[in-house]
Amino acid sequence: MESEEARKVCFSKRRADLFKMASELSVHFNADVAAVVFSPAGNRAYSIGDPSVMDRFLSSLPAPAPPAETEPEPEVDWSVMEELSRQCGQLQAMVEAHKARLEKAEEKLRESGAAAWMMDLEAEVGRMAPEDVLALVTKLAVLRDGVAERAHEMLREALLAVAAPTPTTPTTPPPAGF
C-alpha cells in the first residue's frame, strides 16, 4: 500500500480481526491461544492470549547462539516491556473475571432446575410438527447469531480498550528488581 494512513487503518482492522479469531478459537475449542503482532512501523507490539502459551513456545526453541563480540548489545525499550506487562495483567484479570461470572451463572443454572427445564423442552420439541421445529430452529439461529455478534462487539471493545496506544517514552533503564 502506498499510503501510510491506509496501512495503519488496514493493520488496525486486521489486528482486531486476528484477535477476535484467536479468542473464538480459544472459546470454541477450549484451546490455549496467543498472538503477537507488531505495528507497521515496528515500534509497537500488540498481544492477546495466555502467557503460558508463549512460555511453552519459547522454551521449545533452541538456545540462541552467543552474540559475536563485534555485534553491539541491542537496546531494550523498557517502557514497551512495562506496557506489554501491564496489558497482559489486564487481560489476565479480564479472563479471571469472566471465569468467575461463568461459574456463578452455572451455579445459578444448577440451582434453578434448568436441567429439568431443558428435558421438558426436548420432550416438547419431540411432539412438534416438522414445520414447527424448522421455524423454532430458524428463530433460535437468529437469536444465536445476535448473541454471538454482541459477544464479538464486547470482546472487540475490551481488546481495543486494553490495546489503546499510549505515548512512547525514551528508552530508560529497567526498574529495580525487573
N, C-alpha and C. Protein backbone atom coordinates (compact mmCIF):
# COMPACT_ATOMS: atom_id res chain seq x y z
N MET A 1 0.84 -1.18 0.00
CA MET A 1 0.00 0.00 0.00
C MET A 1 0.88 1.24 0.00
N GLU A 2 0.51 2.18 -0.82
CA GLU A 2 1.29 3.41 -0.94
C GLU A 2 1.09 4.35 0.25
N SER A 3 -0.14 4.49 0.67
CA SER A 3 -0.48 5.45 1.73
C SER A 3 -0.17 4.88 3.10
N GLU A 4 0.58 5.64 3.87
CA GLU A 4 0.89 5.19 5.24
C GLU A 4 -0.37 5.13 6.09
N GLU A 5 -1.27 6.08 5.88
CA GLU A 5 -2.54 6.10 6.63
C GLU A 5 -3.37 4.85 6.32
N ALA A 6 -3.41 4.47 5.03
CA ALA A 6 -4.15 3.26 4.63
C ALA A 6 -3.54 2.02 5.27
N ARG A 7 -2.21 1.96 5.35
CA ARG A 7 -1.55 0.82 6.00
C ARG A 7 -1.93 0.75 7.47
N LYS A 8 -1.97 1.90 8.14
CA LYS A 8 -2.32 1.91 9.57
C LYS A 8 -3.75 1.44 9.78
N VAL A 9 -4.67 1.91 8.95
CA VAL A 9 -6.08 1.52 9.07
C VAL A 9 -6.22 0.02 8.82
N CYS A 10 -5.57 -0.46 7.76
CA CYS A 10 -5.64 -1.89 7.43
C CYS A 10 -5.07 -2.73 8.57
N PHE A 11 -3.93 -2.30 9.12
CA PHE A 11 -3.32 -3.03 10.23
C PHE A 11 -4.27 -3.09 11.42
N SER A 12 -4.88 -1.97 11.77
CA SER A 12 -5.78 -1.94 12.92
C SER A 12 -6.96 -2.89 12.73
N LYS A 13 -7.54 -2.88 11.54
CA LYS A 13 -8.69 -3.76 11.27
C LYS A 13 -8.29 -5.22 11.30
N ARG A 14 -7.17 -5.53 10.65
CA ARG A 14 -6.74 -6.92 10.60
C ARG A 14 -6.30 -7.41 11.98
N ARG A 15 -5.70 -6.54 12.76
CA ARG A 15 -5.28 -6.92 14.12
C ARG A 15 -6.51 -7.25 14.96
N ALA A 16 -7.55 -6.41 14.87
CA ALA A 16 -8.77 -6.67 15.64
C ALA A 16 -9.41 -7.98 15.19
N ASP A 17 -9.43 -8.24 13.88
CA ASP A 17 -10.00 -9.49 13.37
C ASP A 17 -9.17 -10.69 13.83
N LEU A 18 -7.85 -10.56 13.81
CA LEU A 18 -6.99 -11.66 14.25
C LEU A 18 -7.24 -11.96 15.72
N PHE A 19 -7.32 -10.92 16.56
CA PHE A 19 -7.55 -11.13 17.98
C PHE A 19 -8.93 -11.74 18.21
N LYS A 20 -9.90 -11.33 17.42
CA LYS A 20 -11.26 -11.90 17.52
C LYS A 20 -11.21 -13.39 17.19
N MET A 21 -10.50 -13.74 16.10
CA MET A 21 -10.40 -15.15 15.72
C MET A 21 -9.66 -15.95 16.78
N ALA A 22 -8.61 -15.39 17.34
CA ALA A 22 -7.86 -16.10 18.38
C ALA A 22 -8.76 -16.35 19.59
N SER A 23 -9.55 -15.36 19.95
CA SER A 23 -10.47 -15.52 21.07
C SER A 23 -11.52 -16.59 20.77
N GLU A 24 -12.04 -16.58 19.54
CA GLU A 24 -13.04 -17.59 19.16
C GLU A 24 -12.45 -18.99 19.20
N LEU A 25 -11.22 -19.15 18.70
CA LEU A 25 -10.56 -20.45 18.76
C LEU A 25 -10.43 -20.92 20.20
N SER A 26 -10.02 -20.02 21.06
CA SER A 26 -9.85 -20.36 22.46
C SER A 26 -11.16 -20.81 23.09
N VAL A 27 -12.23 -20.05 22.80
CA VAL A 27 -13.53 -20.37 23.40
C VAL A 27 -14.14 -21.63 22.81
N HIS A 28 -14.16 -21.72 21.47
CA HIS A 28 -14.82 -22.84 20.82
C HIS A 28 -14.13 -24.17 21.04
N PHE A 29 -12.80 -24.17 21.10
CA PHE A 29 -12.06 -25.41 21.20
C PHE A 29 -11.37 -25.59 22.54
N ASN A 30 -11.65 -24.68 23.49
CA ASN A 30 -11.04 -24.74 24.81
C ASN A 30 -9.52 -24.89 24.68
N ALA A 31 -8.95 -24.08 23.78
CA ALA A 31 -7.52 -24.16 23.49
C ALA A 31 -6.80 -22.96 24.09
N ASP A 32 -5.52 -23.17 24.41
CA ASP A 32 -4.68 -22.06 24.83
C ASP A 32 -4.15 -21.40 23.57
N VAL A 33 -4.45 -20.13 23.39
CA VAL A 33 -4.08 -19.40 22.18
C VAL A 33 -3.36 -18.12 22.57
N ALA A 34 -2.36 -17.77 21.78
CA ALA A 34 -1.66 -16.50 21.97
C ALA A 34 -1.27 -15.96 20.60
N ALA A 35 -1.26 -14.65 20.49
CA ALA A 35 -0.84 -13.99 19.24
C ALA A 35 -0.11 -12.72 19.60
N VAL A 36 0.94 -12.44 18.83
CA VAL A 36 1.69 -11.20 18.99
C VAL A 36 1.86 -10.62 17.59
N VAL A 37 1.50 -9.36 17.42
CA VAL A 37 1.69 -8.68 16.14
C VAL A 37 2.41 -7.36 16.40
N PHE A 38 3.15 -6.91 15.41
CA PHE A 38 3.90 -5.67 15.53
C PHE A 38 3.33 -4.65 14.55
N SER A 39 3.30 -3.42 14.98
CA SER A 39 2.77 -2.34 14.14
C SER A 39 3.62 -2.21 12.88
N PRO A 40 3.04 -1.61 11.82
CA PRO A 40 3.81 -1.45 10.57
C PRO A 40 5.12 -0.71 10.78
N ALA A 41 5.14 0.22 11.70
CA ALA A 41 6.37 0.95 11.96
C ALA A 41 7.36 0.13 12.77
N GLY A 42 6.88 -0.95 13.38
CA GLY A 42 7.75 -1.81 14.16
C GLY A 42 8.05 -1.29 15.55
N ASN A 43 7.39 -0.22 15.96
CA ASN A 43 7.70 0.37 17.26
C ASN A 43 6.69 -0.02 18.34
N ARG A 44 5.71 -0.87 17.99
CA ARG A 44 4.67 -1.23 18.96
C ARG A 44 4.28 -2.68 18.77
N ALA A 45 4.16 -3.42 19.87
CA ALA A 45 3.72 -4.81 19.82
C ALA A 45 2.35 -4.90 20.47
N TYR A 46 1.48 -5.73 19.90
CA TYR A 46 0.15 -5.98 20.44
C TYR A 46 0.05 -7.48 20.69
N SER A 47 -0.56 -7.85 21.81
CA SER A 47 -0.63 -9.27 22.13
C SER A 47 -1.98 -9.62 22.72
N ILE A 48 -2.31 -10.91 22.62
CA ILE A 48 -3.52 -11.45 23.22
C ILE A 48 -3.21 -12.89 23.59
N GLY A 49 -3.83 -13.38 24.64
CA GLY A 49 -3.70 -14.79 24.98
C GLY A 49 -3.04 -15.03 26.31
N ASP A 50 -2.87 -16.30 26.56
CA ASP A 50 -2.33 -16.78 27.82
C ASP A 50 -0.80 -16.76 27.74
N PRO A 51 -0.13 -16.08 28.68
CA PRO A 51 1.34 -16.03 28.62
C PRO A 51 1.99 -17.41 28.69
N SER A 52 1.30 -18.39 29.28
CA SER A 52 1.90 -19.72 29.37
C SER A 52 2.10 -20.33 27.99
N VAL A 53 1.28 -19.94 27.01
CA VAL A 53 1.44 -20.44 25.65
C VAL A 53 2.77 -19.95 25.09
N MET A 54 3.04 -18.65 25.28
CA MET A 54 4.31 -18.11 24.79
C MET A 54 5.48 -18.74 25.54
N ASP A 55 5.33 -18.97 26.83
CA ASP A 55 6.40 -19.60 27.61
C ASP A 55 6.72 -20.98 27.04
N ARG A 56 5.65 -21.77 26.75
CA ARG A 56 5.86 -23.11 26.19
C ARG A 56 6.53 -23.02 24.82
N PHE A 57 6.10 -22.07 23.99
CA PHE A 57 6.69 -21.90 22.67
C PHE A 57 8.16 -21.52 22.78
N LEU A 58 8.44 -20.53 23.60
CA LEU A 58 9.82 -20.05 23.72
C LEU A 58 10.73 -21.11 24.33
N SER A 59 10.20 -21.92 25.26
CA SER A 59 11.04 -22.94 25.88
C SER A 59 11.35 -24.08 24.90
N SER A 60 10.53 -24.23 23.84
CA SER A 60 10.78 -25.29 22.87
C SER A 60 11.83 -24.89 21.83
N LEU A 61 12.17 -23.61 21.76
CA LEU A 61 13.16 -23.14 20.80
C LEU A 61 14.57 -23.45 21.30
N PRO A 62 15.49 -23.69 20.37
CA PRO A 62 16.87 -23.92 20.81
C PRO A 62 17.45 -22.63 21.40
N ALA A 63 18.39 -22.81 22.28
CA ALA A 63 19.03 -21.65 22.91
C ALA A 63 19.72 -20.82 21.84
N PRO A 64 19.62 -19.51 21.92
CA PRO A 64 20.27 -18.67 20.91
C PRO A 64 21.78 -18.75 21.03
N ALA A 65 22.42 -18.62 19.89
CA ALA A 65 23.89 -18.63 19.87
C ALA A 65 24.38 -17.35 20.54
N PRO A 66 25.48 -17.44 21.25
CA PRO A 66 26.00 -16.22 21.88
C PRO A 66 26.34 -15.19 20.81
N PRO A 67 26.10 -13.92 21.07
CA PRO A 67 26.39 -12.89 20.07
C PRO A 67 27.88 -12.77 19.81
N ALA A 68 28.19 -12.45 18.57
CA ALA A 68 29.60 -12.23 18.23
C ALA A 68 30.10 -11.00 18.97
N GLU A 69 31.37 -10.98 19.24
CA GLU A 69 31.92 -9.87 20.01
C GLU A 69 31.78 -8.54 19.28
N THR A 70 31.70 -8.58 17.96
CA THR A 70 31.61 -7.35 17.20
C THR A 70 30.19 -6.78 17.17
N GLU A 71 29.19 -7.60 17.50
CA GLU A 71 27.81 -7.12 17.47
C GLU A 71 27.50 -6.35 18.75
N PRO A 72 26.92 -5.17 18.60
CA PRO A 72 26.56 -4.41 19.81
C PRO A 72 25.34 -5.05 20.50
N GLU A 73 25.28 -4.88 21.78
CA GLU A 73 24.14 -5.38 22.57
C GLU A 73 22.89 -4.57 22.18
N PRO A 74 21.78 -5.25 21.82
CA PRO A 74 20.58 -4.49 21.45
C PRO A 74 20.01 -3.74 22.65
N GLU A 75 19.50 -2.54 22.38
CA GLU A 75 18.88 -1.75 23.45
C GLU A 75 17.48 -2.26 23.72
N VAL A 76 17.13 -2.32 24.97
CA VAL A 76 15.81 -2.76 25.37
C VAL A 76 14.99 -1.53 25.73
N ASP A 77 13.83 -1.42 25.11
CA ASP A 77 12.93 -0.32 25.44
C ASP A 77 12.04 -0.79 26.59
N TRP A 78 12.44 -0.45 27.81
CA TRP A 78 11.75 -0.94 28.99
C TRP A 78 10.33 -0.41 29.10
N SER A 79 10.08 0.74 28.50
CA SER A 79 8.72 1.27 28.55
C SER A 79 7.77 0.36 27.76
N VAL A 80 8.24 -0.19 26.65
CA VAL A 80 7.42 -1.13 25.87
C VAL A 80 7.21 -2.40 26.68
N MET A 81 8.27 -2.88 27.31
CA MET A 81 8.15 -4.09 28.13
C MET A 81 7.15 -3.88 29.27
N GLU A 82 7.23 -2.74 29.93
CA GLU A 82 6.30 -2.45 31.02
C GLU A 82 4.87 -2.36 30.51
N GLU A 83 4.67 -1.75 29.35
CA GLU A 83 3.33 -1.63 28.76
C GLU A 83 2.77 -3.01 28.41
N LEU A 84 3.58 -3.86 27.80
CA LEU A 84 3.13 -5.21 27.48
C LEU A 84 2.79 -6.00 28.74
N SER A 85 3.59 -5.82 29.76
CA SER A 85 3.33 -6.50 31.03
C SER A 85 2.02 -6.00 31.63
N ARG A 86 1.78 -4.69 31.55
CA ARG A 86 0.54 -4.12 32.06
C ARG A 86 -0.66 -4.67 31.29
N GLN A 87 -0.55 -4.72 29.95
CA GLN A 87 -1.64 -5.24 29.13
C GLN A 87 -1.91 -6.70 29.43
N CYS A 88 -0.86 -7.45 29.63
CA CYS A 88 -1.01 -8.87 29.97
C CYS A 88 -1.74 -9.03 31.29
N GLY A 89 -1.38 -8.23 32.27
CA GLY A 89 -2.07 -8.29 33.57
C GLY A 89 -3.54 -7.94 33.45
N GLN A 90 -3.85 -6.93 32.63
CA GLN A 90 -5.25 -6.54 32.43
C GLN A 90 -6.02 -7.68 31.76
N LEU A 91 -5.43 -8.30 30.76
CA LEU A 91 -6.10 -9.41 30.08
C LEU A 91 -6.32 -10.59 31.03
N GLN A 92 -5.33 -10.88 31.85
CA GLN A 92 -5.48 -11.97 32.81
C GLN A 92 -6.60 -11.66 33.80
N ALA A 93 -6.68 -10.43 34.25
CA ALA A 93 -7.75 -10.04 35.17
C ALA A 93 -9.11 -10.17 34.50
N MET A 94 -9.20 -9.79 33.22
CA MET A 94 -10.46 -9.93 32.49
C MET A 94 -10.86 -11.39 32.36
N VAL A 95 -9.90 -12.25 32.06
CA VAL A 95 -10.18 -13.69 31.92
C VAL A 95 -10.68 -14.25 33.25
N GLU A 96 -10.01 -13.89 34.33
CA GLU A 96 -10.43 -14.37 35.65
C GLU A 96 -11.84 -13.88 36.01
N ALA A 97 -12.14 -12.63 35.67
CA ALA A 97 -13.47 -12.09 35.94
C ALA A 97 -14.53 -12.85 35.13
N HIS A 98 -14.21 -13.15 33.88
CA HIS A 98 -15.16 -13.90 33.05
C HIS A 98 -15.36 -15.31 33.59
N LYS A 99 -14.28 -15.93 34.04
CA LYS A 99 -14.38 -17.28 34.60
C LYS A 99 -15.27 -17.26 35.85
N ALA A 100 -15.09 -16.26 36.69
CA ALA A 100 -15.90 -16.16 37.91
C ALA A 100 -17.37 -15.97 37.57
N ARG A 101 -17.66 -15.10 36.58
CA ARG A 101 -19.05 -14.90 36.17
C ARG A 101 -19.64 -16.18 35.59
N LEU A 102 -18.86 -16.92 34.82
CA LEU A 102 -19.33 -18.18 34.24
C LEU A 102 -19.66 -19.19 35.35
N GLU A 103 -18.78 -19.29 36.34
CA GLU A 103 -19.03 -20.22 37.44
C GLU A 103 -20.31 -19.85 38.20
N LYS A 104 -20.52 -18.54 38.43
CA LYS A 104 -21.74 -18.10 39.12
C LYS A 104 -22.97 -18.42 38.29
N ALA A 105 -22.89 -18.19 36.98
CA ALA A 105 -24.03 -18.47 36.11
C ALA A 105 -24.34 -19.96 36.07
N GLU A 106 -23.31 -20.79 36.01
CA GLU A 106 -23.52 -22.23 36.00
C GLU A 106 -24.14 -22.69 37.32
N GLU A 107 -23.70 -22.12 38.42
CA GLU A 107 -24.27 -22.47 39.73
C GLU A 107 -25.75 -22.08 39.79
N LYS A 108 -26.09 -20.88 39.32
CA LYS A 108 -27.48 -20.45 39.29
C LYS A 108 -28.31 -21.35 38.41
N LEU A 109 -27.73 -21.78 37.30
CA LEU A 109 -28.43 -22.68 36.38
C LEU A 109 -28.74 -24.00 37.08
N ARG A 110 -27.76 -24.52 37.80
CA ARG A 110 -27.98 -25.78 38.53
C ARG A 110 -29.04 -25.60 39.62
N GLU A 111 -28.95 -24.48 40.35
CA GLU A 111 -29.89 -24.23 41.43
C GLU A 111 -31.32 -24.01 40.93
N SER A 112 -31.45 -23.44 39.74
CA SER A 112 -32.78 -23.11 39.24
C SER A 112 -33.51 -24.30 38.65
N GLY A 113 -32.85 -25.42 38.52
CA GLY A 113 -33.51 -26.58 37.92
C GLY A 113 -33.60 -26.47 36.42
N ALA A 114 -32.71 -25.72 35.81
CA ALA A 114 -32.75 -25.51 34.37
C ALA A 114 -32.53 -26.81 33.61
N ALA A 115 -31.81 -27.76 34.21
CA ALA A 115 -31.59 -29.03 33.53
C ALA A 115 -32.93 -29.73 33.31
N ALA A 116 -33.79 -29.70 34.32
CA ALA A 116 -35.12 -30.31 34.17
C ALA A 116 -35.92 -29.56 33.12
N TRP A 117 -35.78 -28.24 33.08
CA TRP A 117 -36.48 -27.44 32.09
C TRP A 117 -36.04 -27.82 30.68
N MET A 118 -34.74 -28.07 30.50
CA MET A 118 -34.23 -28.46 29.19
C MET A 118 -34.79 -29.81 28.77
N MET A 119 -34.93 -30.75 29.71
CA MET A 119 -35.51 -32.06 29.36
C MET A 119 -36.97 -31.89 28.97
N ASP A 120 -37.72 -31.02 29.67
CA ASP A 120 -39.10 -30.75 29.30
C ASP A 120 -39.17 -30.14 27.91
N LEU A 121 -38.25 -29.25 27.60
CA LEU A 121 -38.22 -28.62 26.28
C LEU A 121 -37.94 -29.65 25.20
N GLU A 122 -37.02 -30.57 25.46
CA GLU A 122 -36.73 -31.63 24.50
C GLU A 122 -37.96 -32.46 24.21
N ALA A 123 -38.69 -32.81 25.24
CA ALA A 123 -39.91 -33.60 25.06
C ALA A 123 -40.93 -32.81 24.25
N GLU A 124 -41.04 -31.51 24.52
CA GLU A 124 -41.99 -30.67 23.79
C GLU A 124 -41.62 -30.58 22.32
N VAL A 125 -40.35 -30.42 22.03
CA VAL A 125 -39.91 -30.36 20.64
C VAL A 125 -40.18 -31.69 19.95
N GLY A 126 -40.04 -32.77 20.66
CA GLY A 126 -40.32 -34.10 20.09
C GLY A 126 -41.77 -34.25 19.67
N ARG A 127 -42.66 -33.50 20.30
CA ARG A 127 -44.08 -33.59 19.96
C ARG A 127 -44.49 -32.58 18.88
N MET A 128 -43.58 -31.71 18.46
CA MET A 128 -43.91 -30.67 17.48
C MET A 128 -43.93 -31.22 16.06
N ALA A 129 -44.71 -30.57 15.21
CA ALA A 129 -44.75 -30.91 13.79
C ALA A 129 -43.43 -30.47 13.16
N PRO A 130 -42.99 -31.16 12.10
CA PRO A 130 -41.69 -30.82 11.47
C PRO A 130 -41.58 -29.36 11.05
N GLU A 131 -42.65 -28.76 10.50
CA GLU A 131 -42.56 -27.36 10.08
C GLU A 131 -42.43 -26.43 11.29
N ASP A 132 -43.03 -26.80 12.43
CA ASP A 132 -42.89 -26.00 13.65
C ASP A 132 -41.46 -26.10 14.21
N VAL A 133 -40.88 -27.29 14.10
CA VAL A 133 -39.50 -27.48 14.55
C VAL A 133 -38.56 -26.63 13.68
N LEU A 134 -38.80 -26.63 12.37
CA LEU A 134 -37.98 -25.83 11.46
C LEU A 134 -38.09 -24.34 11.80
N ALA A 135 -39.30 -23.87 12.08
CA ALA A 135 -39.49 -22.46 12.44
C ALA A 135 -38.76 -22.14 13.74
N LEU A 136 -38.84 -23.04 14.73
CA LEU A 136 -38.15 -22.84 16.00
C LEU A 136 -36.64 -22.80 15.79
N VAL A 137 -36.11 -23.72 14.99
CA VAL A 137 -34.67 -23.75 14.72
C VAL A 137 -34.22 -22.45 14.05
N THR A 138 -35.02 -21.95 13.13
CA THR A 138 -34.68 -20.70 12.44
C THR A 138 -34.64 -19.54 13.44
N LYS A 139 -35.63 -19.47 14.31
CA LYS A 139 -35.65 -18.39 15.30
C LYS A 139 -34.48 -18.51 16.28
N LEU A 140 -34.16 -19.73 16.67
CA LEU A 140 -33.02 -19.94 17.57
C LEU A 140 -31.70 -19.56 16.89
N ALA A 141 -31.57 -19.84 15.59
CA ALA A 141 -30.36 -19.48 14.86
C ALA A 141 -30.20 -17.96 14.81
N VAL A 142 -31.30 -17.25 14.58
CA VAL A 142 -31.25 -15.79 14.56
C VAL A 142 -30.84 -15.26 15.94
N LEU A 143 -31.42 -15.84 16.98
CA LEU A 143 -31.07 -15.44 18.34
C LEU A 143 -29.61 -15.72 18.63
N ARG A 144 -29.13 -16.91 18.25
CA ARG A 144 -27.73 -17.27 18.47
C ARG A 144 -26.79 -16.30 17.76
N ASP A 145 -27.12 -15.96 16.50
CA ASP A 145 -26.29 -15.03 15.74
C ASP A 145 -26.25 -13.65 16.40
N GLY A 146 -27.40 -13.22 16.92
CA GLY A 146 -27.44 -11.93 17.60
C GLY A 146 -26.59 -11.93 18.86
N VAL A 147 -26.67 -13.00 19.62
CA VAL A 147 -25.87 -13.13 20.84
C VAL A 147 -24.38 -13.18 20.49
N ALA A 148 -24.03 -13.94 19.45
CA ALA A 148 -22.62 -14.05 19.04
C ALA A 148 -22.09 -12.69 18.59
N GLU A 149 -22.88 -11.96 17.82
CA GLU A 149 -22.45 -10.64 17.35
C GLU A 149 -22.23 -9.70 18.52
N ARG A 150 -23.12 -9.72 19.50
CA ARG A 150 -22.97 -8.85 20.67
C ARG A 150 -21.72 -9.23 21.47
N ALA A 151 -21.49 -10.55 21.58
CA ALA A 151 -20.30 -11.01 22.30
C ALA A 151 -19.03 -10.54 21.59
N HIS A 152 -19.02 -10.61 20.25
CA HIS A 152 -17.86 -10.15 19.49
C HIS A 152 -17.66 -8.65 19.67
N GLU A 153 -18.74 -7.89 19.67
CA GLU A 153 -18.64 -6.45 19.89
C GLU A 153 -18.03 -6.15 21.25
N MET A 154 -18.50 -6.87 22.27
CA MET A 154 -18.00 -6.64 23.62
C MET A 154 -16.51 -7.00 23.70
N LEU A 155 -16.13 -8.12 23.06
CA LEU A 155 -14.72 -8.53 23.07
C LEU A 155 -13.87 -7.51 22.33
N ARG A 156 -14.34 -7.03 21.17
CA ARG A 156 -13.60 -6.05 20.39
C ARG A 156 -13.40 -4.78 21.22
N GLU A 157 -14.47 -4.32 21.90
CA GLU A 157 -14.37 -3.12 22.72
C GLU A 157 -13.36 -3.31 23.84
N ALA A 158 -13.39 -4.49 24.46
CA ALA A 158 -12.46 -4.76 25.56
C ALA A 158 -11.02 -4.80 25.05
N LEU A 159 -10.80 -5.44 23.90
CA LEU A 159 -9.45 -5.52 23.35
C LEU A 159 -8.94 -4.14 22.93
N LEU A 160 -9.80 -3.37 22.31
CA LEU A 160 -9.38 -2.03 21.91
C LEU A 160 -9.10 -1.15 23.12
N ALA A 161 -9.85 -1.33 24.19
CA ALA A 161 -9.62 -0.56 25.40
C ALA A 161 -8.27 -0.93 26.02
N VAL A 162 -7.93 -2.22 25.99
CA VAL A 162 -6.66 -2.67 26.57
C VAL A 162 -5.49 -2.27 25.67
N ALA A 163 -5.70 -2.35 24.35
CA ALA A 163 -4.60 -2.10 23.41
C ALA A 163 -4.54 -0.65 22.96
N ALA A 164 -5.24 0.24 23.63
CA ALA A 164 -5.22 1.66 23.25
C ALA A 164 -3.79 2.16 23.32
N PRO A 165 -3.33 2.82 22.26
CA PRO A 165 -1.92 3.25 22.26
C PRO A 165 -1.66 4.30 23.33
N THR A 166 -0.49 4.19 23.89
CA THR A 166 -0.06 5.18 24.87
C THR A 166 1.18 5.86 24.30
N PRO A 167 1.44 7.10 24.69
CA PRO A 167 2.62 7.80 24.16
C PRO A 167 3.89 7.04 24.53
N THR A 168 4.80 6.96 23.60
CA THR A 168 6.05 6.27 23.88
C THR A 168 6.99 7.21 24.61
N THR A 169 7.81 6.60 25.43
CA THR A 169 8.78 7.38 26.19
C THR A 169 10.16 6.91 25.78
N PRO A 170 11.18 7.75 26.01
CA PRO A 170 12.53 7.35 25.62
C PRO A 170 12.98 6.12 26.40
N THR A 171 13.94 5.43 25.85
CA THR A 171 14.47 4.24 26.49
C THR A 171 15.01 4.60 27.87
N THR A 172 14.59 3.80 28.86
CA THR A 172 15.03 4.05 30.22
C THR A 172 15.61 2.76 30.77
N PRO A 173 16.43 2.83 31.78
CA PRO A 173 16.96 1.60 32.35
C PRO A 173 15.84 0.84 33.03
N PRO A 174 16.03 -0.48 33.22
CA PRO A 174 14.96 -1.28 33.84
C PRO A 174 14.71 -0.84 35.28
N PRO A 175 13.45 -0.97 35.69
CA PRO A 175 13.17 -0.63 37.10
C PRO A 175 13.85 -1.62 38.04
N ALA A 176 14.04 -1.23 39.25
CA ALA A 176 14.71 -2.06 40.23
C ALA A 176 13.94 -3.37 40.40
N GLY A 177 14.64 -4.48 40.36
CA GLY A 177 14.02 -5.77 40.58
C GLY A 177 13.39 -6.35 39.34
N PHE A 178 13.54 -5.73 38.17
CA PHE A 178 12.89 -6.23 36.94
C PHE A 178 13.75 -7.25 36.29
